[in-house]
Protein backbone atom coordinates (compact mmCIF):
# COMPACT_ATOMS: atom_id res chain seq x y z
CA MET A 1 -10.99 -318.73 71.04
CA ARG A 2 -8.64 -316.52 72.82
CA THR A 3 -9.48 -313.16 74.49
CA TYR A 4 -7.77 -310.35 76.68
CA PRO A 5 -8.44 -310.10 80.48
CA CYS A 6 -10.50 -306.55 80.31
CA VAL A 7 -10.79 -303.97 82.89
CA LEU A 8 -13.24 -300.99 82.48
CA THR A 9 -12.49 -297.78 83.84
CA ILE A 10 -15.01 -295.27 85.00
CA ALA A 11 -13.77 -292.14 85.66
CA GLY A 12 -13.68 -288.58 84.53
CA SER A 13 -11.08 -287.43 81.37
CA ASP A 14 -8.15 -285.15 81.46
CA CYS A 15 -7.43 -283.66 78.25
CA SER A 16 -3.82 -282.94 79.24
CA GLY A 17 -3.68 -287.11 78.92
CA GLY A 18 -1.99 -287.12 82.62
CA ALA A 19 -4.68 -288.38 84.86
CA GLY A 20 -8.21 -289.63 84.76
CA ILE A 21 -9.45 -292.20 81.83
CA GLN A 22 -6.02 -291.23 79.63
CA ALA A 23 -3.96 -292.41 82.50
CA ASP A 24 -6.16 -295.30 83.39
CA ILE A 25 -5.92 -296.93 79.52
CA LYS A 26 -2.44 -296.51 79.49
CA ALA A 27 -1.49 -298.27 82.56
CA ILE A 28 -3.85 -301.18 81.38
CA SER A 29 -3.05 -301.49 78.20
CA ALA A 30 1.01 -301.09 79.39
CA LEU A 31 0.60 -304.12 81.61
CA GLY A 32 -1.48 -306.18 79.05
CA ALA A 33 -4.93 -306.09 79.80
CA TYR A 34 -7.72 -304.81 77.65
CA ALA A 35 -8.96 -301.10 78.78
CA ALA A 36 -12.57 -300.02 77.77
CA SER A 37 -13.86 -296.82 79.56
CA ALA A 38 -17.33 -295.06 80.92
CA ILE A 39 -16.22 -291.63 81.33
CA THR A 40 -18.11 -289.42 84.33
CA ALA A 41 -17.04 -286.34 83.84
CA ILE A 42 -15.14 -284.14 81.42
CA THR A 43 -12.53 -281.96 83.30
CA VAL A 44 -10.73 -278.42 81.79
CA GLN A 45 -7.30 -279.42 83.33
CA ASN A 46 -3.35 -279.73 82.70
CA THR A 47 -0.26 -279.56 84.73
CA LEU A 48 -0.86 -276.38 86.19
CA GLY A 49 -4.36 -277.41 87.85
CA VAL A 50 -8.52 -277.80 87.28
CA THR A 51 -9.83 -275.15 86.03
CA GLY A 52 -13.30 -276.39 85.14
CA ILE A 53 -15.50 -280.00 85.60
CA HIS A 54 -18.77 -280.88 83.79
CA PRO A 55 -20.34 -283.99 84.93
CA VAL A 56 -22.01 -286.36 82.22
CA PRO A 57 -25.48 -286.84 82.52
CA PRO A 58 -26.20 -289.68 84.52
CA ALA A 59 -28.33 -291.72 81.91
CA TYR A 60 -25.32 -291.82 79.96
CA VAL A 61 -22.91 -292.88 82.60
CA LYS A 62 -25.36 -295.63 82.72
CA GLY A 63 -25.37 -296.11 79.35
CA GLN A 64 -21.77 -296.36 78.68
CA ILE A 65 -20.82 -299.19 81.74
CA GLU A 66 -24.11 -301.31 80.18
CA ALA A 67 -23.10 -301.06 76.44
CA VAL A 68 -19.59 -302.27 77.85
CA MET A 69 -20.51 -304.92 80.38
CA ASP A 70 -23.24 -306.65 77.88
CA ASP A 71 -20.75 -307.06 75.29
CA ILE A 72 -16.95 -307.33 76.65
CA ARG A 73 -18.08 -308.09 80.34
CA PRO A 74 -14.95 -307.51 82.08
CA LYS A 75 -13.46 -309.10 85.08
CA ALA A 76 -12.49 -306.24 87.04
CA VAL A 77 -13.46 -302.53 87.21
CA LYS A 78 -11.56 -299.22 88.01
CA ILE A 79 -14.03 -296.30 89.32
CA GLY A 80 -11.94 -293.00 89.73
CA MET A 81 -13.71 -289.50 89.86
CA ILE A 82 -17.38 -288.94 90.21
CA ASN A 83 -18.32 -285.47 91.65
CA ASP A 84 -21.88 -286.27 91.58
CA ALA A 85 -24.22 -288.20 93.89
CA GLU A 86 -26.78 -289.23 91.06
CA ILE A 87 -23.43 -290.97 89.10
CA VAL A 88 -22.81 -292.30 92.17
CA ARG A 89 -26.02 -294.12 92.09
CA VAL A 90 -26.01 -295.31 88.46
CA ILE A 91 -22.58 -296.69 88.70
CA ALA A 92 -23.57 -298.61 92.29
CA GLU A 93 -26.88 -299.60 90.38
CA SER A 94 -24.56 -301.21 87.56
CA ILE A 95 -22.09 -303.04 89.64
CA LEU A 96 -25.16 -304.79 91.47
CA LYS A 97 -26.41 -305.46 88.57
CA TYR A 98 -23.24 -307.01 86.66
CA HIS A 99 -21.38 -308.01 89.69
CA PRO A 100 -17.74 -307.98 88.00
CA GLU A 101 -15.35 -309.59 90.02
CA TYR A 102 -12.73 -307.08 91.26
CA VAL A 103 -13.91 -303.68 91.81
CA VAL A 104 -11.35 -301.15 92.81
CA PHE A 105 -12.39 -297.83 93.66
CA ASP A 106 -10.16 -294.70 93.89
CA PRO A 107 -12.49 -292.28 95.69
CA VAL A 108 -10.13 -288.85 93.98
CA MET A 109 -11.91 -286.05 96.22
CA VAL A 110 -8.87 -283.56 95.77
CA SER A 111 -6.56 -282.66 92.82
CA THR A 112 -2.75 -282.94 93.11
CA SER A 113 -2.83 -278.98 92.92
CA GLY A 114 -5.53 -278.97 95.67
CA CYS A 115 -8.71 -278.48 93.54
CA LYS A 116 -11.60 -279.79 95.62
CA LEU A 117 -13.58 -282.78 92.89
CA MET A 118 -15.92 -284.10 94.77
CA GLU A 119 -19.03 -282.37 96.35
CA ASP A 120 -20.04 -283.20 99.70
CA GLU A 121 -23.38 -284.84 98.84
CA ALA A 122 -21.34 -287.34 96.75
CA ILE A 123 -18.78 -287.86 99.32
CA GLU A 124 -22.01 -289.13 101.66
CA ALA A 125 -23.27 -291.24 98.70
CA ILE A 126 -19.88 -293.23 97.74
CA THR A 127 -19.73 -293.96 101.56
CA THR A 128 -22.76 -295.40 101.76
CA ARG A 129 -23.42 -297.01 98.15
CA LEU A 130 -20.23 -297.01 96.16
CA ILE A 131 -17.46 -298.39 99.47
CA PRO A 132 -19.35 -301.33 99.99
CA LEU A 133 -19.64 -303.42 96.90
CA ALA A 134 -15.60 -302.40 96.52
CA SER A 135 -13.07 -304.81 96.55
CA LEU A 136 -10.63 -302.92 97.54
CA ILE A 137 -10.86 -298.87 97.96
CA THR A 138 -7.52 -297.31 97.72
CA PRO A 139 -7.70 -293.57 99.90
CA ASN A 140 -4.67 -291.45 99.77
CA LEU A 141 -3.83 -289.58 103.43
CA SER A 142 -6.18 -286.52 102.73
CA GLU A 143 -9.14 -288.68 101.21
CA ALA A 144 -8.48 -291.37 103.96
CA GLU A 145 -8.75 -288.51 106.78
CA ILE A 146 -12.49 -287.41 105.21
CA LEU A 147 -13.48 -290.95 104.89
CA ALA A 148 -12.33 -291.52 108.58
CA GLY A 149 -13.26 -287.66 110.14
CA GLN A 150 -9.70 -287.60 111.78
CA LYS A 151 -6.08 -286.67 111.29
CA ILE A 152 -3.55 -289.32 109.87
CA SER A 153 -0.06 -288.64 110.56
CA THR A 154 1.97 -291.85 111.45
CA VAL A 155 2.11 -295.52 109.69
CA GLU A 156 0.44 -296.55 113.03
CA ASP A 157 -2.59 -294.26 112.67
CA MET A 158 -2.72 -295.70 108.68
CA LYS A 159 -3.37 -299.40 110.10
CA GLN A 160 -5.85 -298.61 112.86
CA GLN A 161 -7.73 -296.51 110.52
CA ALA A 162 -7.58 -298.99 107.33
CA LYS A 163 -9.30 -301.54 109.92
CA GLU A 164 -11.60 -299.18 110.77
CA MET A 165 -12.68 -298.52 107.18
CA LEU A 166 -13.63 -302.06 106.43
CA LYS A 167 -16.55 -301.46 108.27
CA LEU A 168 -17.95 -299.57 105.57
CA GLY A 169 -18.48 -302.68 103.97
CA CYS A 170 -15.32 -302.84 101.80
CA LYS A 171 -12.98 -306.08 101.14
CA GLY A 172 -9.94 -304.22 101.14
CA VAL A 173 -8.10 -301.15 102.30
CA LEU A 174 -5.07 -299.32 100.87
CA ILE A 175 -4.18 -296.20 102.63
CA LYS A 176 -1.38 -294.65 100.15
CA GLY A 177 1.30 -292.78 102.96
CA GLY A 178 3.22 -291.27 99.92
CA HIS A 179 2.38 -287.07 101.81
CA LEU A 180 3.95 -288.92 104.85
CA ASP A 181 7.07 -287.05 106.49
CA GLY A 182 10.25 -288.77 105.88
CA GLY A 183 11.89 -290.30 103.20
CA LEU A 184 10.32 -293.60 103.06
CA MET A 185 7.18 -293.98 101.38
CA CYS A 186 4.83 -296.65 102.64
CA ASP A 187 1.07 -298.48 102.13
CA VAL A 188 -0.65 -300.26 104.01
CA LEU A 189 -3.26 -302.72 103.05
CA GLN A 190 -5.49 -304.23 105.04
CA THR A 191 -7.85 -307.06 103.90
CA ALA A 192 -11.26 -308.34 105.30
CA THR A 193 -9.70 -311.94 105.30
CA GLU A 194 -6.43 -311.08 107.35
CA GLU A 195 -6.05 -309.73 110.85
CA ALA A 196 -2.46 -308.13 110.18
CA PRO A 197 -1.94 -305.60 107.70
CA HIS A 198 0.52 -305.84 104.60
CA LEU A 199 3.13 -302.70 104.61
CA PHE A 200 4.80 -301.96 101.31
CA THR A 201 7.50 -299.56 101.49
CA ALA A 202 10.03 -297.37 99.02
CA PRO A 203 12.30 -294.32 99.02
CA LYS A 204 10.78 -291.73 97.69
CA VAL A 205 11.40 -290.32 94.40
CA ASN A 206 12.27 -286.43 94.28
CA SER A 207 10.07 -285.52 91.29
CA ARG A 208 7.35 -283.33 90.50
CA ASN A 209 6.13 -285.36 87.67
CA THR A 210 3.25 -287.05 90.13
CA HIS A 211 0.23 -286.30 87.97
CA GLY A 212 -1.86 -289.01 87.96
CA THR A 213 0.02 -291.66 89.96
CA GLY A 214 -3.20 -292.45 92.41
CA CYS A 215 -5.15 -292.88 88.88
CA THR A 216 -2.33 -295.21 87.40
CA LEU A 217 -1.92 -296.99 90.48
CA SER A 218 -5.66 -298.40 90.89
CA SER A 219 -5.61 -298.99 87.35
CA ALA A 220 -2.97 -301.12 87.99
CA ILE A 221 -4.10 -302.83 90.52
CA ALA A 222 -7.30 -303.75 88.95
CA THR A 223 -5.12 -305.07 85.62
CA PHE A 224 -3.37 -307.45 88.10
CA LEU A 225 -6.50 -308.76 89.68
CA ALA A 226 -8.03 -309.29 86.21
CA LEU A 227 -4.63 -311.07 85.20
CA GLY A 228 -4.86 -313.52 88.31
CA GLU A 229 -3.07 -312.65 90.85
CA PRO A 230 -4.58 -312.21 94.41
CA MET A 231 -5.01 -308.93 96.48
CA SER A 232 -1.79 -308.60 98.06
CA VAL A 233 0.71 -309.56 94.87
CA ALA A 234 -1.64 -307.37 92.46
CA VAL A 235 -0.95 -304.30 94.90
CA LYS A 236 2.89 -305.10 95.47
CA LYS A 237 2.98 -305.32 91.52
CA ALA A 238 0.94 -302.39 90.54
CA LYS A 239 2.92 -300.29 93.37
CA GLN A 240 6.54 -301.37 91.60
CA TYR A 241 5.15 -300.47 88.42
CA VAL A 242 4.13 -297.11 89.40
CA TYR A 243 7.49 -296.66 91.37
CA LYS A 244 9.25 -297.41 88.16
CA GLY A 245 7.08 -294.67 86.06
CA ILE A 246 7.98 -292.05 88.51
CA GLU A 247 11.26 -293.09 88.72
CA SER A 248 12.08 -293.08 84.63
CA GLY A 249 9.90 -290.17 84.05
CA LYS A 250 11.30 -287.54 87.07
CA ASP A 251 13.29 -285.84 84.46
CA VAL A 252 10.89 -285.41 81.27
CA CYS A 253 9.34 -281.98 81.27
CA ILE A 254 5.86 -282.12 80.12
CA GLY A 255 4.00 -278.79 80.62
CA GLY A 256 4.68 -275.88 83.43
CA GLY A 257 3.63 -277.81 86.79
CA HIS A 258 3.03 -281.37 87.75
CA GLY A 259 4.03 -283.34 85.06
CA PRO A 260 2.62 -287.08 84.45
CA LEU A 261 4.58 -290.10 85.22
CA ASN A 262 6.10 -292.57 82.48
CA HIS A 263 3.09 -295.40 81.94
CA PHE A 264 5.52 -296.86 79.18
CA HIS A 265 8.80 -297.88 80.90
CA SER A 266 10.50 -300.76 80.79
CA PRO A 267 9.63 -303.67 82.84
CA VAL A 268 9.70 -303.32 86.24
CA ALA A 269 12.78 -303.66 88.46
CA MET A 270 11.39 -305.72 91.31
CA HIS A 271 14.01 -305.87 93.82
CA ILE A 272 13.65 -302.01 94.45
CA PHE A 273 10.87 -302.74 97.24
CA ASP A 274 10.86 -304.15 100.59
CA LYS A 275 9.50 -307.19 101.03
CA ASN A 276 5.75 -307.25 102.56
CA GLU A 277 5.93 -307.50 106.31
């Protein structure tokens, strides 16, 4: 009997629909997989910012994960916003119990608008409990600096710190360089099985509509892994999907602040990215 490849997203809910669980479900579905979800927190937010965060009780986070794992058995898990150390614990225990093939962890610590989304205790917990279980972590520059404990200003810094972060126990690190100075974006992927990093470059798109790009990218990577792509190809295809989503959504007005990208754009133009170096 046929079935869909399934991806479970464990993340916070964004009532405005641009990030978090809502963005994850859109991306996973748009790319041809089946999206299941476990909500870690309910946020009060829109395109202008986050004004409230209400964590879901850890027992209910655990219950959601187990309900999906016992029945649907997703091949890949994407983990997003967690702001409570106890929730980190129950997620880590669930990963150890069910052993999904792929775990992509986006350590969401600060929102696009600058709001802190994770408590200090939770940051320590993800470093010791969750990151060692990840197939890939996908920090942006700000998050990478928190995890590395030092400033990251150049691509060479990104390469060095990506290798250092492998010492936390994960199998791969993707540092997103979208906030580097200059007209090109460069992301650095370092895996534990390869000596040389993969570099992914593309021209920056002039757009305010970047709400949920990190959530979308990590979900897309998890989806391509569930669809059978190797890590570097999954990252490349996910980046192409997000780039086209930003490009095709840059002139659309949703809200008065940072609007979302277009998750349901036409097929990705494969030629817009440089080849991996």
